[in-house]
Amino acid sequence: MLDWTLISSDSHIVEPPNLWTDRMDRGFRGWGPRVVSEPDGDWWMIDGTRGNSFQGGAQVGKRFERPEELRPAARFSEVRPGAYQPAEFLRENEEDGVWGSVIYPTAGLQLYRVPDLALLSACFRAYNDWLVEFCRTAPDRLRGMALINVEDVGEAVRELERVRTLGLAGGMITVAPPEERSYDHPMYEPFWAAAQDLDAPISLHIDTNRPAPHVVAESNRTSRAALLATADYWVRVALGHLGLRYISHLPHSLPVALGVAMSFRYRGEPRVAMAFTGDGATNAGLYHEVLNMAGLYSAPLVIIVENNQYAYSTPARQASKVKSIAGHAAGYGLLTTTVDGNDVEAVHAVAVAAVQRARAGDGPSLIEAFTLRMLGHAVHDGAEYVPRELLAAWEARDPVVGYRRALATAGASAQQLDEIDRRCRMEIEDAVAFAESSPWPDPSTVTRGVYAVAQEPPLT
């Protein structure tokens, strides 16, 4: 048995039906979320739009043990008390070996669809008050994430200050703010500063999109599978606007990451941009321009180059006279490191060190992670140009297999590791089956998130 304290980083409570009817500000009480009973179950109605039913709290364990019994709706009377009673929540978690939890909502996720900002803030305050009481049962073990309306930045700062004073850990913000006010907009700076001063983590959770003029709100009963399968897209968009990382095996994301890093530097923010690229990109002029400027201006930038040994079908040794990617990057003034890209813990260690260095103002770094691309460049590419013995040698160094061995050495049992493998396979198989049985997405959504929305410069 592992001697670890297990903490759930994403535990969802199930809100009781009277949460908003009892707690909303009097002026909004008639407009808040309410539960309606229908033949297939009880459903939340939120500002005229159907939200969740109660299936999540009523079907505990069935996803993995009896998936054929899963159903899309349920009655609140079927929900386990541990989903909304804190003492029962703690007891059931202890039975599963979980000591503490970060608490997220269920119906509350879809409150972000409410278009009226005053009503939205009132709904959030009511939920946050309930969550404060829930977490007070064991404040060291129950860490609640408040709902925050960041479109009203002043209100967002005040509410974050209020809930932190009341003991909540941090706040959730929408993954999809209005396109003309994405998270790189300066309007949010007071909120980021407040979160930092309050030591309050900010969370981006799927299914917290704000309404958009070109998007028709869909009922949870009729929502298309394609929308659910790609829900994490908006998280990645928001992270991109926050400048956390850019992933591309072409060099074209690198100047974007550099620009974000320079904006952090100009604003005096202790933030870091991180970009990934491949060995083939290191022979493009754009890559060298970015390295030169990053080194010259001490940008808080970390570049990770996955040295796959082959850029499409060209071996790296035939693409450059300089054999070390890290070596020629050092010529631009970057701190460089070469690491075994198949060693999970080694990659993590050098990445953490590079980020800490950049955040401290000590300039950019480049990490060359040495590995091998085990398949062809694309579906049509059989990778016949890679020697079979080279593939066999790197297959023996599979990072997933290697890290399994490391976990076993650290004390994980074969049963625990097999269970992780089984759940991963089942999740993939379920996702594939779900996608294959779903209709094609609406063609009218093809340009969503592709084009920027023009905005007027702020008045000075």
Protein backbone atom coordinates (compact mmCIF):
# COMPACT_ATOMS: atom_id res chain seq x y z
CA MET A 1 0.00 0.00 0.00
CA LEU A 2 1.33 3.45 -0.91
CA ASP A 3 1.95 5.72 2.05
CA TRP A 4 0.57 8.77 0.27
CA THR A 5 -2.05 11.34 1.21
CA LEU A 6 -4.51 11.29 -1.70
CA ILE A 7 -6.14 14.59 -2.66
CA SER A 8 -8.80 14.84 -5.33
CA SER A 9 -8.13 17.90 -7.48
CA ASP A 10 -11.55 17.86 -9.17
CA SER A 11 -14.41 16.75 -6.89
CA HIS A 12 -17.88 17.84 -7.97
CA ILE A 13 -20.66 18.29 -5.44
CA VAL A 14 -24.30 18.06 -6.50
CA GLU A 15 -26.23 21.21 -5.61
CA PRO A 16 -29.48 20.61 -3.64
CA PRO A 17 -32.66 21.91 -5.34
CA ASN A 18 -33.23 24.66 -2.76
CA LEU A 19 -29.75 26.19 -3.01
CA TRP A 20 -30.72 29.16 -5.19
CA THR A 21 -34.38 29.44 -4.22
CA ASP A 22 -33.37 29.93 -0.57
CA ARG A 23 -30.18 31.98 -0.99
CA MET A 24 -30.58 34.32 -3.97
CA ASP A 25 -30.70 38.06 -3.31
CA ARG A 26 -34.39 38.93 -2.89
CA GLY A 27 -34.52 40.99 -6.08
CA PHE A 28 -33.31 38.03 -8.19
CA ARG A 29 -34.91 35.11 -6.36
CA GLY A 30 -37.63 34.54 -8.95
CA TRP A 31 -35.05 34.42 -11.74
CA GLY A 32 -32.54 32.00 -10.23
CA PRO A 33 -31.93 28.35 -11.13
CA ARG A 34 -34.78 26.01 -10.24
CA VAL A 35 -35.51 22.30 -10.57
CA VAL A 36 -38.37 20.98 -12.71
CA SER A 37 -39.59 17.37 -12.65
CA GLU A 38 -40.13 15.66 -16.00
CA PRO A 39 -40.85 12.04 -16.94
CA ASP A 40 -37.19 11.06 -17.33
CA GLY A 41 -35.88 12.90 -14.25
CA ASP A 42 -35.37 16.21 -12.47
CA TRP A 43 -33.70 18.98 -14.46
CA TRP A 44 -32.19 22.36 -13.67
CA MET A 45 -33.68 25.27 -15.59
CA ILE A 46 -31.32 28.25 -15.74
CA ASP A 47 -32.62 31.51 -17.19
CA GLY A 48 -34.85 29.63 -19.61
CA THR A 49 -32.20 27.09 -20.66
CA ARG A 50 -32.10 23.45 -19.62
CA GLY A 51 -29.03 22.59 -17.58
CA ASN A 52 -27.96 19.33 -15.96
CA SER A 53 -30.08 16.60 -14.49
CA PHE A 54 -28.90 14.68 -11.40
CA GLN A 55 -27.46 11.64 -13.14
CA GLY A 56 -23.91 12.28 -11.92
CA GLY A 57 -24.66 11.92 -8.24
CA ALA A 58 -27.10 9.05 -8.79
CA GLN A 59 -24.87 6.68 -10.78
CA VAL A 60 -21.70 6.46 -8.71
CA GLY A 61 -19.38 3.69 -9.94
CA LYS A 62 -21.46 2.67 -12.94
CA ARG A 63 -19.17 4.38 -15.47
CA PHE A 64 -16.47 1.76 -14.94
CA GLU A 65 -18.34 -1.15 -13.36
CA ARG A 66 -21.70 -1.23 -15.20
CA PRO A 67 -21.57 1.29 -18.07
CA GLU A 68 -24.56 -0.33 -19.76
CA GLU A 69 -26.74 0.97 -16.90
CA LEU A 70 -25.83 4.64 -17.41
CA ARG A 71 -28.71 7.01 -18.22
CA PRO A 72 -28.79 10.73 -19.07
CA ALA A 73 -31.15 11.86 -16.29
CA ALA A 74 -32.14 11.04 -12.70
CA ARG A 75 -34.15 12.28 -9.72
CA PHE A 76 -32.55 14.26 -6.91
CA SER A 77 -33.97 11.64 -4.52
CA GLU A 78 -31.58 9.13 -6.13
CA VAL A 79 -28.48 11.22 -5.40
CA ARG A 80 -26.19 9.92 -2.66
CA PRO A 81 -26.18 12.24 0.38
CA GLY A 82 -22.39 12.37 0.16
CA ALA A 83 -22.78 14.52 -2.94
CA TYR A 84 -24.23 17.46 -0.99
CA GLN A 85 -23.81 16.75 2.75
CA PRO A 86 -20.24 17.54 3.85
CA ALA A 87 -20.01 14.98 6.68
CA GLU A 88 -21.16 12.19 4.35
CA PHE A 89 -18.86 13.51 1.61
CA LEU A 90 -15.87 13.18 3.93
CA ARG A 91 -16.93 9.73 5.15
CA GLU A 92 -17.31 8.33 1.64
CA ASN A 93 -13.99 9.85 0.57
CA GLU A 94 -12.28 8.23 3.56
CA GLU A 95 -13.68 4.87 2.46
CA ASP A 96 -11.93 5.42 -0.88
CA GLY A 97 -8.67 6.56 0.75
CA VAL A 98 -9.11 10.22 -0.26
CA TRP A 99 -8.07 12.69 2.47
CA GLY A 100 -8.97 16.01 0.88
CA SER A 101 -10.72 17.52 -2.13
CA VAL A 102 -10.84 20.63 -4.29
CA ILE A 103 -14.57 21.27 -4.68
CA TYR A 104 -16.25 22.22 -7.96
CA PRO A 105 -19.96 22.64 -8.85
CA THR A 106 -22.13 20.59 -11.19
CA ALA A 107 -25.19 22.67 -12.11
CA GLY A 108 -23.10 25.73 -11.32
CA LEU A 109 -20.87 25.14 -14.35
CA GLN A 110 -23.71 26.06 -16.67
CA LEU A 111 -24.57 29.23 -14.81
CA TYR A 112 -21.91 30.85 -16.99
CA ARG A 113 -24.47 30.71 -19.82
CA VAL A 114 -26.64 33.36 -18.08
CA PRO A 115 -26.34 36.49 -20.29
CA ASP A 116 -27.46 39.07 -17.72
CA LEU A 117 -24.36 40.08 -15.72
CA ALA A 118 -26.24 41.25 -12.62
CA LEU A 119 -28.21 37.99 -12.47
CA LEU A 120 -25.04 36.01 -13.10
CA SER A 121 -23.25 37.66 -10.17
CA ALA A 122 -26.27 37.07 -7.89
CA CYS A 123 -26.34 33.36 -8.81
CA PHE A 124 -22.61 33.11 -8.14
CA ARG A 125 -22.85 34.79 -4.73
CA ALA A 126 -25.63 32.41 -3.63
CA TYR A 127 -23.59 29.36 -4.65
CA ASN A 128 -20.43 30.72 -3.04
CA ASP A 129 -22.25 31.27 0.27
CA TRP A 130 -23.47 27.66 0.21
CA LEU A 131 -19.99 26.41 -0.64
CA VAL A 132 -18.47 28.36 2.26
CA GLU A 133 -20.79 26.51 4.65
CA PHE A 134 -20.04 23.16 3.00
CA CYS A 135 -16.27 23.61 3.35
CA ARG A 136 -16.41 24.90 6.94
CA THR A 137 -17.06 21.33 8.10
CA ALA A 138 -13.37 20.56 7.50
CA PRO A 139 -11.58 23.64 6.07
CA ASP A 140 -8.21 21.88 5.92
CA ARG A 141 -9.66 19.05 3.81
CA LEU A 142 -12.38 20.75 1.74
CA ARG A 143 -11.03 23.50 -0.51
CA GLY A 144 -13.80 25.21 -2.45
CA MET A 145 -13.44 27.03 -5.77
CA ALA A 146 -15.80 30.00 -5.98
CA LEU A 147 -17.72 31.02 -9.10
CA ILE A 148 -16.46 34.40 -10.36
CA ASN A 149 -18.04 36.72 -12.94
CA VAL A 150 -14.89 38.15 -14.51
CA GLU A 151 -16.75 40.16 -17.18
CA ASP A 152 -17.42 42.69 -14.43
CA VAL A 153 -13.82 43.06 -13.28
CA GLY A 154 -14.63 45.25 -10.29
CA GLU A 155 -17.26 42.77 -9.09
CA ALA A 156 -14.83 39.90 -9.73
CA VAL A 157 -12.16 41.47 -7.53
CA ARG A 158 -14.64 42.18 -4.74
CA GLU A 159 -16.10 38.67 -4.83
CA LEU A 160 -12.68 37.02 -4.89
CA GLU A 161 -11.65 39.10 -1.87
CA ARG A 162 -14.90 38.18 -0.09
CA VAL A 163 -14.69 34.44 -0.64
CA ARG A 164 -11.01 34.30 0.27
CA THR A 165 -11.85 36.05 3.55
CA LEU A 166 -14.57 33.43 4.11
CA GLY A 167 -12.10 30.60 3.55
CA LEU A 168 -12.55 29.43 -0.06
CA ALA A 169 -9.36 28.49 -1.90
CA GLY A 170 -9.71 30.34 -5.20
CA GLY A 171 -12.05 31.03 -8.08
CA MET A 172 -13.34 29.71 -11.39
CA ILE A 173 -13.64 31.93 -14.44
CA THR A 174 -15.20 31.27 -17.82
CA VAL A 175 -13.15 29.40 -20.40
CA ALA A 176 -14.70 31.49 -23.18
CA PRO A 177 -15.09 35.20 -22.48
CA PRO A 178 -16.41 37.43 -25.30
CA GLU A 179 -14.06 37.26 -28.27
CA GLU A 180 -13.37 41.00 -28.21
CA ARG A 181 -12.33 40.71 -24.52
CA SER A 182 -10.11 37.63 -24.47
CA TYR A 183 -7.80 37.11 -21.50
CA ASP A 184 -4.88 38.98 -23.01
CA HIS A 185 -6.97 42.18 -22.77
CA PRO A 186 -5.59 44.73 -20.28
CA MET A 187 -9.03 45.09 -18.64
CA TYR A 188 -8.32 41.92 -16.63
CA GLU A 189 -5.05 43.15 -15.10
CA PRO A 190 -6.68 44.26 -11.79
CA PHE A 191 -8.17 40.78 -11.43
CA TRP A 192 -4.89 38.95 -12.10
CA ALA A 193 -3.16 41.27 -9.62
CA ALA A 194 -5.84 40.64 -6.98
CA ALA A 195 -5.60 36.87 -7.44
CA GLN A 196 -1.85 37.06 -7.00
CA ASP A 197 -2.10 39.29 -3.91
CA LEU A 198 -4.75 37.02 -2.37
CA ASP A 199 -2.74 33.86 -3.19
CA ALA A 200 -5.89 32.60 -4.93
CA PRO A 201 -5.52 30.00 -7.72
CA ILE A 202 -7.74 30.65 -10.76
CA SER A 203 -9.34 27.69 -12.52
CA LEU A 204 -10.52 27.16 -16.10
CA HIS A 205 -13.08 24.32 -16.22
CA ILE A 206 -14.81 22.92 -19.30
CA ASP A 207 -18.46 23.77 -19.90
CA THR A 208 -18.20 27.30 -18.47
CA ASN A 209 -18.61 29.15 -21.78
CA ARG A 210 -20.24 32.56 -21.87
CA PRO A 211 -23.05 33.02 -24.42
CA ALA A 212 -21.93 34.30 -27.82
CA PRO A 213 -24.07 36.07 -30.46
CA HIS A 214 -23.32 33.47 -33.16
CA VAL A 215 -23.82 30.41 -30.92
CA VAL A 216 -27.27 29.00 -30.25
CA ALA A 217 -27.63 27.72 -26.67
CA GLU A 218 -28.30 23.99 -26.70
CA SER A 219 -30.27 22.01 -24.17
CA ASN A 220 -28.40 19.31 -22.27
CA ARG A 221 -31.02 16.88 -23.52
CA THR A 222 -30.29 17.61 -27.18
CA SER A 223 -26.68 18.81 -27.12
CA ARG A 224 -24.65 17.23 -29.90
CA ALA A 225 -21.84 14.84 -29.01
CA ALA A 226 -19.36 16.82 -31.11
CA LEU A 227 -19.72 19.78 -28.76
CA LEU A 228 -19.08 17.63 -25.70
CA ALA A 229 -16.13 15.84 -27.29
CA THR A 230 -14.37 19.13 -28.06
CA ALA A 231 -15.26 20.99 -24.85
CA ASP A 232 -11.61 21.23 -23.83
CA TYR A 233 -10.91 23.32 -26.95
CA TRP A 234 -12.01 26.46 -25.13
CA VAL A 235 -9.68 25.72 -22.22
CA ARG A 236 -6.79 25.61 -24.67
CA VAL A 237 -7.89 28.88 -26.29
CA ALA A 238 -8.04 30.60 -22.89
CA LEU A 239 -4.62 29.23 -21.93
CA GLY A 240 -3.25 30.49 -25.22
CA HIS A 241 -4.53 33.99 -24.46
CA LEU A 242 -2.96 33.74 -21.02
CA GLY A 243 0.35 32.94 -22.71
CA LEU A 244 1.06 29.72 -20.89
CA ARG A 245 2.36 27.59 -23.75
CA TYR A 246 2.33 27.11 -27.51
CA ILE A 247 2.70 23.67 -29.07
CA SER A 248 3.73 23.27 -32.69
CA HIS A 249 6.41 21.31 -34.48
CA LEU A 250 6.77 24.16 -36.93
CA PRO A 251 8.52 27.38 -35.88
CA HIS A 252 5.54 29.66 -36.44
CA SER A 253 4.31 29.56 -32.84
CA LEU A 254 7.68 30.70 -31.51
CA PRO A 255 7.43 34.43 -32.37
CA VAL A 256 3.94 34.47 -30.85
CA ALA A 257 5.34 32.99 -27.63
CA LEU A 258 8.19 35.49 -27.72
CA GLY A 259 5.75 38.37 -28.08
CA VAL A 260 3.75 37.13 -25.11
CA ALA A 261 6.96 36.76 -23.08
CA MET A 262 8.01 40.32 -23.92
CA SER A 263 4.60 41.63 -22.86
CA PHE A 264 5.14 39.96 -19.47
CA ARG A 265 8.53 41.64 -19.23
CA TYR A 266 7.22 45.09 -20.14
CA ARG A 267 4.42 44.82 -17.58
CA GLY A 268 6.74 43.57 -14.86
CA GLU A 269 4.67 40.39 -14.41
CA PRO A 270 6.34 37.25 -12.98
CA ARG A 271 4.97 35.08 -15.78
CA VAL A 272 6.64 32.82 -18.32
CA ALA A 273 5.78 31.78 -21.88
CA MET A 274 6.61 28.24 -22.96
CA ALA A 275 6.71 26.95 -26.53
CA PHE A 276 7.28 23.49 -27.99
CA THR A 277 8.74 22.73 -31.40
CA GLY A 278 10.56 19.92 -33.20
CA ASP A 279 14.07 19.39 -34.53
CA GLY A 280 13.08 20.20 -38.12
CA ALA A 281 11.98 23.69 -37.13
CA THR A 282 15.46 24.52 -35.80
CA ASN A 283 16.74 24.90 -39.37
CA ALA A 284 14.19 27.59 -40.24
CA GLY A 285 15.19 31.23 -40.19
CA LEU A 286 12.22 32.19 -38.02
CA TYR A 287 13.51 29.94 -35.24
CA HIS A 288 16.89 31.69 -35.20
CA GLU A 289 15.33 35.14 -35.26
CA VAL A 290 13.31 34.24 -32.15
CA LEU A 291 16.35 32.87 -30.30
CA ASN A 292 18.40 35.94 -31.14
CA MET A 293 15.75 38.39 -29.92
CA ALA A 294 14.90 36.31 -26.84
CA GLY A 295 18.53 36.23 -25.79
CA LEU A 296 19.12 39.90 -26.59
CA TYR A 297 16.18 41.12 -24.49
CA SER A 298 16.28 38.44 -21.74
CA ALA A 299 12.72 37.38 -22.50
CA PRO A 300 11.00 35.13 -19.90
CA LEU A 301 10.68 32.36 -22.48
CA VAL A 302 11.27 28.59 -22.32
CA ILE A 303 11.55 26.69 -25.61
CA ILE A 304 11.38 22.91 -25.62
CA VAL A 305 12.70 21.23 -28.76
CA GLU A 306 11.62 17.61 -29.17
CA ASN A 307 14.55 16.16 -31.08
CA ASN A 308 12.72 13.34 -32.86
CA GLN A 309 15.87 12.56 -34.95
CA TYR A 310 13.80 12.80 -38.15
CA ALA A 311 12.14 15.88 -39.67
CA TYR A 312 9.57 14.08 -41.78
CA SER A 313 12.00 11.65 -43.50
CA THR A 314 15.23 13.67 -43.22
CA PRO A 315 17.61 12.51 -40.47
CA ALA A 316 18.76 15.36 -38.24
CA ARG A 317 22.40 14.50 -39.00
CA GLN A 318 21.79 15.36 -42.67
CA ALA A 319 20.01 18.65 -41.97
CA SER A 320 22.71 20.60 -40.12
CA LYS A 321 26.47 20.55 -39.72
CA VAL A 322 25.96 21.45 -36.04
CA LYS A 323 25.00 18.23 -34.28
CA SER A 324 23.74 19.75 -31.03
CA ILE A 325 20.56 21.84 -31.15
CA ALA A 326 21.27 23.01 -27.62
CA GLY A 327 24.81 23.90 -28.70
CA HIS A 328 23.84 26.38 -31.40
CA ALA A 329 21.09 27.87 -29.22
CA ALA A 330 23.71 28.73 -26.61
CA GLY A 331 25.30 31.02 -29.18
CA TYR A 332 22.29 33.31 -28.90
CA GLY A 333 22.70 33.68 -25.14
CA LEU A 334 20.11 31.15 -24.00
CA LEU A 335 20.78 28.78 -21.12
CA THR A 336 20.58 25.34 -22.75
CA THR A 337 19.99 21.86 -21.41
CA THR A 338 19.90 18.46 -23.08
CA VAL A 339 17.70 15.84 -21.46
CA ASP A 340 16.51 12.30 -22.11
CA GLY A 341 13.06 13.04 -23.52
CA ASN A 342 11.85 9.58 -22.47
CA ASP A 343 12.65 10.14 -18.78
CA VAL A 344 9.47 11.63 -17.30
CA GLU A 345 10.99 12.90 -14.07
CA ALA A 346 14.13 14.27 -15.72
CA VAL A 347 12.08 16.31 -18.21
CA HIS A 348 9.90 17.63 -15.41
CA ALA A 349 12.94 18.65 -13.36
CA VAL A 350 14.68 20.63 -16.12
CA ALA A 351 11.40 22.28 -17.17
CA VAL A 352 10.69 23.45 -13.62
CA ALA A 353 14.23 24.82 -13.31
CA ALA A 354 13.94 26.72 -16.61
CA VAL A 355 10.59 28.25 -15.66
CA GLN A 356 11.88 29.32 -12.25
CA ARG A 357 14.94 30.89 -13.88
CA ALA A 358 12.83 32.85 -16.38
CA ARG A 359 10.39 33.96 -13.69
CA ALA A 360 13.29 35.26 -11.59
CA GLY A 361 14.38 37.50 -14.49
CA ASP A 362 17.42 35.45 -15.49
CA GLY A 363 16.46 35.12 -19.14
CA PRO A 364 15.36 32.47 -21.64
CA SER A 365 16.21 28.79 -21.77
CA LEU A 366 16.13 26.07 -24.41
CA ILE A 367 15.64 22.42 -23.51
CA GLU A 368 16.58 19.80 -26.09
CA ALA A 369 14.58 16.67 -25.26
CA PHE A 370 16.18 13.77 -27.13
CA THR A 371 13.70 11.10 -28.27
CA LEU A 372 12.50 9.27 -31.40
CA ARG A 373 9.26 9.61 -33.33
CA MET A 374 7.97 6.02 -33.30
CA LEU A 375 5.49 6.38 -36.19
CA GLY A 376 5.52 8.07 -39.56
CA HIS A 377 5.00 11.78 -40.02
CA ALA A 378 1.35 11.18 -40.99
CA VAL A 379 -1.11 8.35 -41.58
CA HIS A 380 0.19 7.75 -45.10
CA ASP A 381 3.81 7.53 -43.92
CA GLY A 382 5.05 4.06 -42.96
CA ALA A 383 8.44 5.40 -41.75
CA GLU A 384 10.36 2.85 -43.87
CA TYR A 385 13.30 5.26 -43.86
CA VAL A 386 13.93 4.67 -40.13
CA PRO A 387 16.20 1.65 -39.44
CA ARG A 388 14.25 -1.14 -37.73
CA GLU A 389 16.99 -1.65 -35.15
CA LEU A 390 16.76 2.04 -34.16
CA LEU A 391 13.02 1.77 -33.66
CA ALA A 392 13.48 -1.40 -31.61
CA ALA A 393 16.10 0.26 -29.40
CA TRP A 394 13.84 3.24 -28.63
CA GLU A 395 10.76 1.06 -28.20
CA ALA A 396 12.64 -0.59 -25.33
CA ARG A 397 12.89 2.87 -23.75
CA ASP A 398 9.15 3.60 -23.92
CA PRO A 399 8.52 6.37 -21.33
CA VAL A 400 5.15 4.95 -20.29
CA VAL A 401 6.64 1.51 -19.61
CA GLY A 402 9.66 3.08 -17.95
CA TYR A 403 7.58 5.23 -15.63
CA ARG A 404 5.44 2.24 -14.71
CA ARG A 405 8.64 0.53 -13.56
CA ALA A 406 9.60 3.64 -11.58
CA LEU A 407 6.20 3.73 -9.86
CA ALA A 408 6.49 0.04 -9.04
CA THR A 409 9.91 0.66 -7.51
CA ALA A 410 8.38 3.50 -5.46
CA GLY A 411 5.81 1.09 -4.00
CA ALA A 412 2.86 0.97 -6.39
CA SER A 413 1.37 -2.51 -6.66
CA ALA A 414 0.81 -4.34 -9.93
CA GLN A 415 -2.93 -4.25 -9.22
CA GLN A 416 -2.91 -0.47 -8.86
CA LEU A 417 -0.93 0.02 -12.07
CA ASP A 418 -3.09 -2.45 -13.98
CA GLU A 419 -6.19 -0.59 -12.83
CA ILE A 420 -4.76 2.69 -14.15
CA ASP A 421 -4.06 0.98 -17.50
CA ARG A 422 -7.56 -0.50 -17.60
CA ARG A 423 -9.24 2.83 -16.91
CA CYS A 424 -7.15 4.61 -19.53
CA ARG A 425 -8.03 2.02 -22.18
CA MET A 426 -11.71 2.13 -21.25
CA GLU A 427 -11.78 5.91 -21.40
CA ILE A 428 -10.21 5.88 -24.87
CA GLU A 429 -12.52 3.13 -26.12
CA ASP A 430 -15.57 4.93 -24.73
CA ALA A 431 -14.47 8.19 -26.38
CA VAL A 432 -13.96 6.49 -29.75
CA ALA A 433 -17.33 4.74 -29.58
CA PHE A 434 -19.02 7.98 -28.53
CA ALA A 435 -17.44 9.91 -31.41
CA GLU A 436 -18.20 7.26 -34.03
CA SER A 437 -21.85 7.12 -33.00
CA SER A 438 -22.26 10.91 -33.04
CA PRO A 439 -23.53 13.05 -35.93
CA TRP A 440 -21.20 15.33 -37.85
CA PRO A 441 -20.90 18.87 -36.42
CA ASP A 442 -22.92 21.70 -37.93
CA PRO A 443 -20.92 23.14 -40.90
CA SER A 444 -21.89 26.65 -39.80
CA THR A 445 -19.49 26.32 -36.84
CA VAL A 446 -16.39 25.74 -39.01
CA THR A 447 -15.04 29.28 -38.57
CA ARG A 448 -15.76 29.51 -34.84
CA GLY A 449 -12.60 30.51 -33.00
CA VAL A 450 -10.65 31.00 -36.24
CA TYR A 451 -11.00 34.70 -36.94
CA ALA A 452 -10.26 37.52 -34.52
CA VAL A 453 -12.97 40.04 -33.77
CA ALA A 454 -11.89 43.62 -34.47
CA GLN A 455 -11.87 45.92 -31.49
CA GLU A 456 -11.43 49.64 -31.16
CA PRO A 457 -8.30 50.81 -29.33
CA PRO A 458 -9.02 52.02 -25.79
CA LEU A 459 -9.67 55.72 -25.39
CA THR A 460 -6.89 57.62 -23.61
